[in-house]
Amino acid sequence: MKAKNSAIIKSILCLLKAYKTEMGLPETDLRQSTLKSLTYLISQTIRHYVLPKSHYHLSQAAYERWEELSDEDIMQKHFQDHVFCDKLEGTSRQYPLFVGASKKGILTEITEEGFSFRQMFHEDHIVPVSMIFEQMILMDKMDAEKVSALLNKMHICTILKEENNRIGRTRDRCLDYRKTINKVYTPAGITLVL
């Protein structure tokens, strides 16, 4: 994990340098396209940073749903991972499954064969990647220590897709994950077990 994070930080520093260099160039369509590409690359690189275990959270509703379906560890499942529903052996239950960014789930009969993790669950960046990126751009002197400190402000919470639809994207969020939980999650009726 340490070696991976070190490589990620080095990559981010290199991309940030390119971004800041591009920012200093005259305004052109090509410059805007390059900045957009660099923003995308930096954001995707940020997402690969491995956080300490204490930075991963779980909503009560997601925990309860998972407990109905699987004996596996929900914290080891991500995005496109397949969820086998071993607790449904020989039976089935209906749950809403979501396709892409759809706000409306389709009630689906779930069997032990399971589904893709992202169809029912969402890994929400409590502190959005866009905020981390914005803070990086504002740094006067870029170094590994400062980038690492910013990356370690990230916290991620596994929630149900239905919960994700209630909280919105970045409104009322900040770099302090506890404040974001109080301002965004609590008013939406989302409680955390981790």
Foldseek 3Di string as FASTA:
>chain_A
DVVLLVVLLVVLVVLLVVLVVLVPDDDDPVSVVSNVVSVVVNLVSLVPRDEPPVQEWEWPVRVVVVVQFDPDDPVVADDFDWGFRPNQAVHWDWDFFADDLDLGGDTDTAHRRGDGCNRWKDWAWLADSVQLVVVQNPDPDDDSVVNVVSSNLTGIYIDTSNLVSQFDHPPQGDSHSVSSCVRGVVVSVIDIPD
